[in-house]
Amino acid sequence: MLNKVNVTKLLAKQLVTLILLLPFSRIYGLITDIRNWLYDRKLYSSYESSSCVIAVGNLTVGGTGKTPMIEYLIKRHLTPDSILRPEVATLSRGYGRRTKGFRIATDLDTAETIGDEPLQLYRKFKHRVRIFVGEQRAEAIRQILETYPETKQILLDDAFQHRAVRPNLNLMLSEYSRPFYNDHPFPAGRLRERRHGAQRADAVIVTKCPDSLSAAEQAKIGANIRSYIREGTPLFFAGLQYGQPISFADNKPVSSLQSVVLVSGLANAVPLEGYVQQTFSMKKHHRFADHYAYSRTDLDQLFDTLSPDDSLLTTEKDWVKIDALLTADERRQLPLYYIPVEMAFLPGYEAEFETLVNGFLLKNT
């Protein structure tokens, strides 16, 4: 455990590192400012699609809850039933995949071919939307519309800095525990551009908030954010809602888990770990890097740590990668579960967000 002296030394070291890196952050921020200026003045062109494009992104590197936001939009606004809606598509770059170029997700795809989050979306929503990946978003949208001209709505994942496409609605997420207004551009911080880039947002959602977030703290956070966004830009607060664990064996929820070993490959696993500690008896948490590509050796080592009374619990994003490495017998016999998560607006915000998105869709489709 860190004592007071060690904490002081650690903070001093972090401060020195920050001071040393800030000049490089200013250079990086200047470069992104110039790039944005060129797009704003139309000296760089932005593609405007004939379909309705909704972009979900953030200013920072790392997870702010973009995939739960995409899923929320699919379930609540774009596909309210289980019938295939061929006019709806999602487009990601497919981070972590080993392929290149434009692809449409099929039953033959894996995390290596389309990325873990697109695969997660495909497994959940393949009967409701079409899932695509492509690094060059403008060209990918053109190919989507050429191949499927009936497409009316396209959800762009992690596209706030992708200025080559001009979205109809730009949703910016900011994580409660790591707000963009307290951060710096790379390499001193985690920002992909300077804070005033938030002015491009049509709405801002503060994600991963605790359920107990007070009105006073919401007001404080809101005041900090509003100093960077356009006047009148809607601001919302949302948390995470975890579901019952689901078995790898039959994809059915269970309510009997007690002792678990948690496995996660997330940018920020703190909210998940806190929930698991409160809900189950967590023996250990094996943390891996975000978008980690598991190997068979990794699984063998994880399975060796399980006692007869333990279950292995992981995330949906990790499930699609771990599941691909299992034999049929392992999938059926081992105590393996994943925990689903949804975005849930704090009281007083969901109806306003519904009105915003429904009004936007009515106007643009």
Protein backbone atom coordinates (compact mmCIF):
# COMPACT_ATOMS: atom_id res chain seq x y z
CA MET A 1 0.00 0.00 0.00
CA LEU A 2 1.27 3.49 -0.82
CA ASN A 3 2.15 5.63 2.19
CA LYS A 4 1.99 9.42 2.30
CA VAL A 5 5.66 9.85 1.33
CA ASN A 6 5.34 7.51 -1.66
CA VAL A 7 2.16 9.23 -2.82
CA THR A 8 3.90 12.60 -2.64
CA LYS A 9 6.84 11.27 -4.67
CA LEU A 10 4.49 9.76 -7.24
CA LEU A 11 2.55 13.01 -7.62
CA ALA A 12 5.79 14.97 -7.94
CA LYS A 13 7.01 12.60 -10.64
CA GLN A 14 3.72 12.91 -12.52
CA LEU A 15 3.91 16.71 -12.30
CA VAL A 16 7.47 16.76 -13.67
CA THR A 17 6.44 14.44 -16.51
CA LEU A 18 3.48 16.69 -17.33
CA ILE A 19 5.66 19.80 -17.40
CA LEU A 20 8.18 18.09 -19.69
CA LEU A 21 5.50 16.87 -22.11
CA LEU A 22 3.33 20.00 -22.26
CA PRO A 23 5.45 21.69 -25.00
CA PHE A 24 4.92 18.66 -27.22
CA SER A 25 1.18 18.73 -26.42
CA ARG A 26 1.04 22.35 -27.57
CA ILE A 27 2.68 21.38 -30.86
CA TYR A 28 0.27 18.48 -31.30
CA GLY A 29 -2.67 20.74 -30.45
CA LEU A 30 -1.51 23.32 -32.97
CA ILE A 31 -1.32 20.69 -35.69
CA THR A 32 -4.87 19.53 -34.99
CA ASP A 33 -6.03 23.17 -34.86
CA ILE A 34 -4.61 23.75 -38.35
CA ARG A 35 -6.27 20.59 -39.63
CA ASN A 36 -9.64 21.60 -38.19
CA TRP A 37 -9.24 25.14 -39.57
CA LEU A 38 -8.70 23.72 -43.06
CA TYR A 39 -11.89 21.66 -42.76
CA ASP A 40 -13.87 24.56 -41.28
CA ARG A 41 -12.82 26.83 -44.18
CA LYS A 42 -13.65 24.04 -46.66
CA LEU A 43 -10.06 23.95 -47.90
CA TYR A 44 -10.26 20.27 -47.06
CA SER A 45 -13.44 18.69 -48.36
CA SER A 46 -15.96 16.82 -46.19
CA TYR A 47 -18.24 14.22 -47.72
CA GLU A 48 -21.96 14.80 -47.20
CA SER A 49 -23.97 11.62 -47.55
CA SER A 50 -27.46 11.41 -49.03
CA SER A 51 -28.33 9.19 -46.06
CA CYS A 52 -28.69 10.41 -42.48
CA VAL A 53 -25.36 10.11 -40.63
CA ILE A 54 -25.10 10.09 -36.83
CA ALA A 55 -21.55 10.24 -35.46
CA VAL A 56 -20.68 9.02 -31.96
CA GLY A 57 -17.25 9.95 -30.64
CA ASN A 58 -15.17 11.81 -28.08
CA LEU A 59 -12.18 14.10 -27.67
CA THR A 60 -10.10 11.55 -25.78
CA VAL A 61 -8.22 8.34 -26.43
CA GLY A 62 -9.84 5.38 -24.71
CA GLY A 63 -13.30 4.16 -23.88
CA THR A 64 -16.03 6.63 -23.01
CA GLY A 65 -18.95 4.28 -23.70
CA LYS A 66 -19.28 4.68 -27.46
CA THR A 67 -20.46 1.12 -28.09
CA PRO A 68 -23.22 1.30 -25.42
CA MET A 69 -24.32 4.57 -27.05
CA ILE A 70 -24.44 2.94 -30.49
CA GLU A 71 -26.45 0.06 -29.04
CA TYR A 72 -28.82 2.48 -27.30
CA LEU A 73 -29.52 4.24 -30.59
CA ILE A 74 -30.09 0.96 -32.42
CA LYS A 75 -32.51 -0.39 -29.82
CA ARG A 76 -34.37 2.78 -28.87
CA HIS A 77 -34.54 4.78 -32.06
CA LEU A 78 -33.62 2.89 -35.21
CA THR A 79 -34.78 -0.72 -34.87
CA PRO A 80 -37.52 -1.10 -32.23
CA ASP A 81 -38.25 -4.72 -33.20
CA SER A 82 -36.39 -7.86 -34.23
CA ILE A 83 -37.12 -7.56 -37.96
CA LEU A 84 -34.16 -6.73 -40.19
CA ARG A 85 -34.05 -3.03 -40.99
CA PRO A 86 -31.83 -2.98 -44.10
CA GLU A 87 -32.01 0.82 -44.17
CA VAL A 88 -29.85 1.03 -40.99
CA ALA A 89 -26.07 0.51 -40.95
CA THR A 90 -23.21 0.94 -38.51
CA LEU A 91 -19.72 1.83 -39.70
CA SER A 92 -16.52 1.48 -37.65
CA ARG A 93 -12.89 1.46 -38.64
CA GLY A 94 -12.58 -1.95 -36.99
CA TYR A 95 -9.85 -1.18 -34.48
CA GLY A 96 -7.54 -4.13 -33.85
CA ARG A 97 -8.51 -6.14 -36.92
CA ARG A 98 -5.85 -7.70 -39.13
CA THR A 99 -7.63 -6.93 -42.38
CA LYS A 100 -7.71 -3.72 -44.36
CA GLY A 101 -10.32 -1.87 -46.37
CA PHE A 102 -14.07 -2.07 -46.59
CA ARG A 103 -15.94 -5.13 -45.27
CA ILE A 104 -19.49 -6.09 -44.41
CA ALA A 105 -19.81 -8.34 -41.36
CA THR A 106 -20.96 -11.92 -41.94
CA ASP A 107 -21.26 -15.10 -39.87
CA LEU A 108 -17.73 -16.04 -40.98
CA ASP A 109 -16.11 -12.98 -39.43
CA THR A 110 -14.06 -12.88 -36.23
CA ALA A 111 -12.51 -10.12 -34.16
CA GLU A 112 -9.39 -10.52 -36.30
CA THR A 113 -11.29 -9.72 -39.49
CA ILE A 114 -13.59 -6.90 -38.36
CA GLY A 115 -12.54 -5.95 -34.80
CA ASP A 116 -14.03 -6.87 -31.42
CA GLU A 117 -16.66 -4.13 -31.07
CA PRO A 118 -18.09 -4.50 -34.61
CA LEU A 119 -18.25 -8.26 -33.99
CA GLN A 120 -20.08 -7.61 -30.72
CA LEU A 121 -22.59 -5.43 -32.58
CA TYR A 122 -22.98 -8.04 -35.30
CA ARG A 123 -23.68 -10.86 -32.86
CA LYS A 124 -26.33 -8.80 -31.10
CA PHE A 125 -27.96 -7.00 -33.99
CA LYS A 126 -27.28 -8.92 -37.21
CA HIS A 127 -31.02 -9.48 -37.67
CA ARG A 128 -31.71 -5.78 -37.26
CA VAL A 129 -28.93 -3.77 -38.94
CA ARG A 130 -26.00 -4.21 -41.29
CA ILE A 131 -22.52 -3.88 -39.77
CA PHE A 132 -19.61 -2.49 -41.81
CA VAL A 133 -15.97 -1.62 -41.20
CA GLY A 134 -13.67 0.64 -43.17
CA GLU A 135 -10.80 2.98 -42.30
CA GLN A 136 -11.74 5.56 -44.92
CA ARG A 137 -15.24 6.45 -43.76
CA ALA A 138 -16.21 8.64 -46.73
CA GLU A 139 -15.27 5.95 -49.23
CA ALA A 140 -16.92 3.28 -47.06
CA ILE A 141 -20.20 5.24 -47.00
CA ARG A 142 -20.09 5.53 -50.78
CA GLN A 143 -19.65 1.77 -51.06
CA ILE A 144 -22.49 1.13 -48.60
CA LEU A 145 -24.86 3.29 -50.64
CA GLU A 146 -23.72 1.80 -53.93
CA THR A 147 -24.24 -1.74 -52.64
CA TYR A 148 -27.31 -1.04 -50.49
CA PRO A 149 -28.99 2.12 -51.87
CA GLU A 150 -31.94 1.58 -49.51
CA THR A 151 -29.74 2.59 -46.54
CA LYS A 152 -31.30 5.58 -44.79
CA GLN A 153 -29.33 5.88 -41.54
CA ILE A 154 -25.65 5.27 -40.84
CA LEU A 155 -24.18 5.23 -37.32
CA LEU A 156 -20.52 6.22 -37.34
CA ASP A 157 -18.56 4.80 -34.40
CA ASP A 158 -15.61 6.78 -33.00
CA ALA A 159 -15.82 9.47 -35.67
CA PHE A 160 -15.66 12.81 -33.86
CA GLN A 161 -12.23 13.58 -35.37
CA HIS A 162 -13.07 12.03 -38.76
CA ARG A 163 -13.64 15.34 -40.49
CA ALA A 164 -13.67 13.76 -43.97
CA VAL A 165 -17.36 12.98 -43.33
CA ARG A 166 -19.83 15.66 -42.30
CA PRO A 167 -22.42 14.06 -39.99
CA ASN A 168 -25.96 15.28 -39.64
CA LEU A 169 -25.80 14.77 -35.87
CA ASN A 170 -22.54 14.83 -33.90
CA LEU A 171 -22.79 13.22 -30.44
CA MET A 172 -19.77 13.76 -28.20
CA LEU A 173 -19.20 11.62 -25.11
CA SER A 174 -17.11 12.62 -22.10
CA GLU A 175 -16.36 10.19 -19.28
CA TYR A 176 -17.37 11.34 -15.80
CA SER A 177 -14.15 10.21 -14.10
CA ARG A 178 -11.88 11.67 -16.80
CA PRO A 179 -13.59 14.78 -18.22
CA PHE A 180 -12.03 16.36 -21.29
CA TYR A 181 -11.87 19.81 -19.66
CA ASN A 182 -9.28 18.54 -17.15
CA ASP A 183 -7.12 16.90 -19.81
CA HIS A 184 -4.38 17.87 -22.26
CA PRO A 185 -3.60 16.85 -25.84
CA PHE A 186 -1.28 13.92 -26.47
CA PRO A 187 1.40 13.18 -25.23
CA ALA A 188 0.91 15.04 -21.92
CA GLY A 189 -2.71 13.86 -21.80
CA ARG A 190 -5.30 11.78 -23.60
CA LEU A 191 -6.94 14.38 -25.84
CA ARG A 192 -6.91 13.81 -29.59
CA GLU A 193 -7.27 17.54 -30.16
CA ARG A 194 -7.61 20.63 -28.00
CA ARG A 195 -10.63 21.13 -25.77
CA HIS A 196 -12.35 23.70 -27.97
CA GLY A 197 -12.94 20.93 -30.51
CA ALA A 198 -16.05 20.27 -28.42
CA GLN A 199 -17.67 23.17 -30.28
CA ARG A 200 -18.48 20.75 -33.12
CA ALA A 201 -20.76 18.71 -30.84
CA ASP A 202 -24.51 18.87 -31.43
CA ALA A 203 -25.02 17.25 -28.02
CA VAL A 204 -22.72 16.17 -25.18
CA ILE A 205 -23.31 13.11 -23.01
CA VAL A 206 -21.35 12.69 -19.78
CA THR A 207 -21.04 8.92 -19.48
CA LYS A 208 -20.33 6.37 -16.74
CA CYS A 209 -21.77 8.63 -14.07
CA PRO A 210 -22.59 7.16 -10.64
CA ASP A 211 -26.31 6.76 -10.02
CA SER A 212 -25.97 9.01 -6.97
CA LEU A 213 -24.52 11.97 -8.88
CA SER A 214 -26.01 15.02 -7.19
CA ALA A 215 -27.67 17.95 -8.93
CA ALA A 216 -24.98 20.24 -7.54
CA GLU A 217 -22.18 18.14 -9.07
CA GLN A 218 -24.06 17.90 -12.35
CA ALA A 219 -24.31 21.69 -12.39
CA LYS A 220 -20.57 22.02 -11.68
CA ILE A 221 -19.64 19.60 -14.46
CA GLY A 222 -22.10 21.27 -16.80
CA ALA A 223 -20.58 24.71 -16.17
CA ASN A 224 -17.11 23.40 -17.04
CA ILE A 225 -18.35 21.75 -20.23
CA ARG A 226 -20.45 24.74 -21.36
CA SER A 227 -17.35 26.93 -21.41
CA TYR A 228 -16.15 24.87 -24.41
CA ILE A 229 -19.33 24.07 -26.38
CA ARG A 230 -21.67 26.23 -28.45
CA GLU A 231 -24.37 28.10 -26.60
CA GLY A 232 -27.56 26.06 -26.39
CA THR A 233 -25.89 22.69 -27.03
CA PRO A 234 -27.85 20.03 -25.11
CA LEU A 235 -26.02 18.33 -22.24
CA PHE A 236 -26.97 14.96 -20.76
CA PHE A 237 -25.76 12.68 -17.96
CA ALA A 238 -25.80 8.88 -18.21
CA GLY A 239 -24.50 5.86 -16.31
CA LEU A 240 -24.04 2.17 -16.98
CA GLN A 241 -26.57 -0.55 -16.28
CA TYR A 242 -25.26 -4.10 -16.01
CA GLY A 243 -27.42 -7.09 -16.81
CA GLN A 244 -27.43 -10.65 -15.48
CA PRO A 245 -24.40 -12.74 -16.50
CA ILE A 246 -24.94 -14.76 -19.66
CA SER A 247 -23.55 -18.26 -20.17
CA PHE A 248 -21.09 -18.94 -22.97
CA ALA A 249 -22.76 -22.35 -23.34
CA ASP A 250 -26.28 -21.33 -24.31
CA ASN A 251 -26.38 -17.51 -24.27
CA LYS A 252 -28.95 -17.58 -21.46
CA PRO A 253 -28.84 -15.38 -18.34
CA VAL A 254 -28.11 -16.89 -14.96
CA SER A 255 -28.72 -15.57 -11.45
CA SER A 256 -26.71 -18.03 -9.38
CA LEU A 257 -23.14 -16.76 -9.72
CA GLN A 258 -21.31 -16.09 -6.48
CA SER A 259 -17.53 -16.48 -6.65
CA VAL A 260 -16.03 -15.04 -9.85
CA VAL A 261 -12.69 -14.31 -11.46
CA LEU A 262 -13.06 -11.19 -13.58
CA VAL A 263 -11.29 -10.85 -16.95
CA SER A 264 -11.39 -7.60 -18.88
CA GLY A 265 -9.62 -5.82 -21.73
CA LEU A 266 -10.97 -2.28 -21.36
CA ALA A 267 -9.58 1.23 -21.52
CA ASN A 268 -11.10 1.89 -18.08
CA ALA A 269 -12.21 -1.13 -16.08
CA VAL A 270 -12.83 0.75 -12.82
CA PRO A 271 -16.66 1.00 -13.14
CA LEU A 272 -16.92 -2.69 -14.09
CA GLU A 273 -14.67 -3.80 -11.25
CA GLY A 274 -16.65 -1.74 -8.75
CA TYR A 275 -19.92 -3.29 -9.89
CA VAL A 276 -18.56 -6.85 -9.80
CA GLN A 277 -17.11 -6.33 -6.32
CA GLN A 278 -20.49 -5.11 -5.06
CA THR A 279 -22.54 -7.83 -6.76
CA PHE A 280 -20.38 -10.96 -6.51
CA SER A 281 -17.50 -12.35 -4.52
CA MET A 282 -14.63 -11.30 -6.80
CA LYS A 283 -11.56 -13.44 -6.18
CA LYS A 284 -9.31 -11.72 -8.72
CA HIS A 285 -9.38 -9.30 -11.64
CA HIS A 286 -7.14 -10.09 -14.61
CA ARG A 287 -6.74 -6.80 -16.47
CA PHE A 288 -5.60 -6.74 -20.08
CA ALA A 289 -5.05 -3.85 -22.47
CA ASP A 290 -7.99 -2.36 -24.35
CA HIS A 291 -8.87 -4.47 -27.42
CA TYR A 292 -6.46 -7.16 -26.21
CA ALA A 293 -6.08 -10.11 -28.60
CA TYR A 294 -6.26 -13.21 -26.39
CA SER A 295 -4.19 -16.28 -27.19
CA ARG A 296 -4.80 -19.89 -26.35
CA THR A 297 -1.93 -19.64 -23.84
CA ASP A 298 -3.76 -16.78 -22.12
CA LEU A 299 -6.87 -18.92 -21.76
CA ASP A 300 -4.97 -21.91 -20.41
CA GLN A 301 -3.37 -19.69 -17.77
CA LEU A 302 -6.73 -18.14 -16.86
CA PHE A 303 -8.42 -21.52 -16.57
CA ASP A 304 -5.60 -22.75 -14.32
CA THR A 305 -6.41 -19.98 -11.82
CA LEU A 306 -10.04 -21.09 -11.43
CA SER A 307 -10.86 -23.05 -8.32
CA PRO A 308 -13.74 -25.58 -8.48
CA ASP A 309 -16.14 -23.01 -7.00
CA ASP A 310 -15.13 -20.09 -9.25
CA SER A 311 -16.66 -18.87 -12.49
CA LEU A 312 -14.87 -16.80 -15.09
CA LEU A 313 -16.73 -13.55 -15.79
CA THR A 314 -15.84 -11.22 -18.65
CA THR A 315 -17.26 -8.46 -20.84
CA GLU A 316 -19.20 -8.75 -24.10
CA LYS A 317 -16.26 -7.30 -26.02
CA ASP A 318 -13.91 -9.89 -24.51
CA TRP A 319 -16.46 -12.69 -24.89
CA VAL A 320 -16.42 -12.57 -28.70
CA LYS A 321 -12.63 -13.06 -28.68
CA ILE A 322 -12.40 -15.66 -25.91
CA ASP A 323 -15.31 -17.67 -27.33
CA ALA A 324 -13.52 -18.04 -30.67
CA LEU A 325 -10.64 -19.87 -28.97
CA LEU A 326 -12.77 -22.46 -27.17
CA THR A 327 -13.53 -26.02 -28.12
CA ALA A 328 -17.18 -27.09 -28.16
CA ASP A 329 -16.61 -29.14 -24.98
CA GLU A 330 -14.98 -26.21 -23.17
CA ARG A 331 -17.80 -23.91 -24.15
CA ARG A 332 -20.34 -26.39 -22.84
CA GLN A 333 -18.58 -27.56 -19.67
CA LEU A 334 -16.54 -24.66 -18.27
CA PRO A 335 -18.18 -22.02 -16.02
CA LEU A 336 -17.75 -19.11 -18.44
CA TYR A 337 -19.99 -16.05 -18.45
CA TYR A 338 -20.09 -12.54 -19.84
CA ILE A 339 -21.88 -9.56 -18.41
CA PRO A 340 -23.91 -7.28 -20.72
CA VAL A 341 -23.93 -3.54 -20.17
CA GLU A 342 -26.23 -0.78 -21.37
CA MET A 343 -26.15 2.98 -21.23
CA ALA A 344 -28.82 4.38 -18.91
CA PHE A 345 -29.60 8.08 -18.63
CA LEU A 346 -29.78 9.60 -15.18
CA PRO A 347 -33.26 10.72 -14.05
CA GLY A 348 -34.59 13.69 -15.97
CA TYR A 349 -32.47 13.27 -19.11
CA GLU A 350 -33.83 10.34 -21.12
CA ALA A 351 -37.04 12.03 -22.31
CA GLU A 352 -35.10 15.09 -23.46
CA PHE A 353 -32.61 12.93 -25.33
CA GLU A 354 -35.43 10.94 -26.93
CA THR A 355 -37.03 14.20 -28.10
CA LEU A 356 -33.71 15.39 -29.54
CA VAL A 357 -32.99 12.22 -31.52
CA ASN A 358 -36.59 11.61 -32.65
CA GLY A 359 -36.88 15.20 -33.84
CA PHE A 360 -33.60 14.92 -35.68
CA LEU A 361 -34.62 11.66 -37.40
CA LEU A 362 -37.99 13.09 -38.38
CA LYS A 363 -36.27 16.07 -39.97
CA ASN A 364 -33.48 14.19 -41.75
CA THR A 365 -35.06 10.94 -42.98
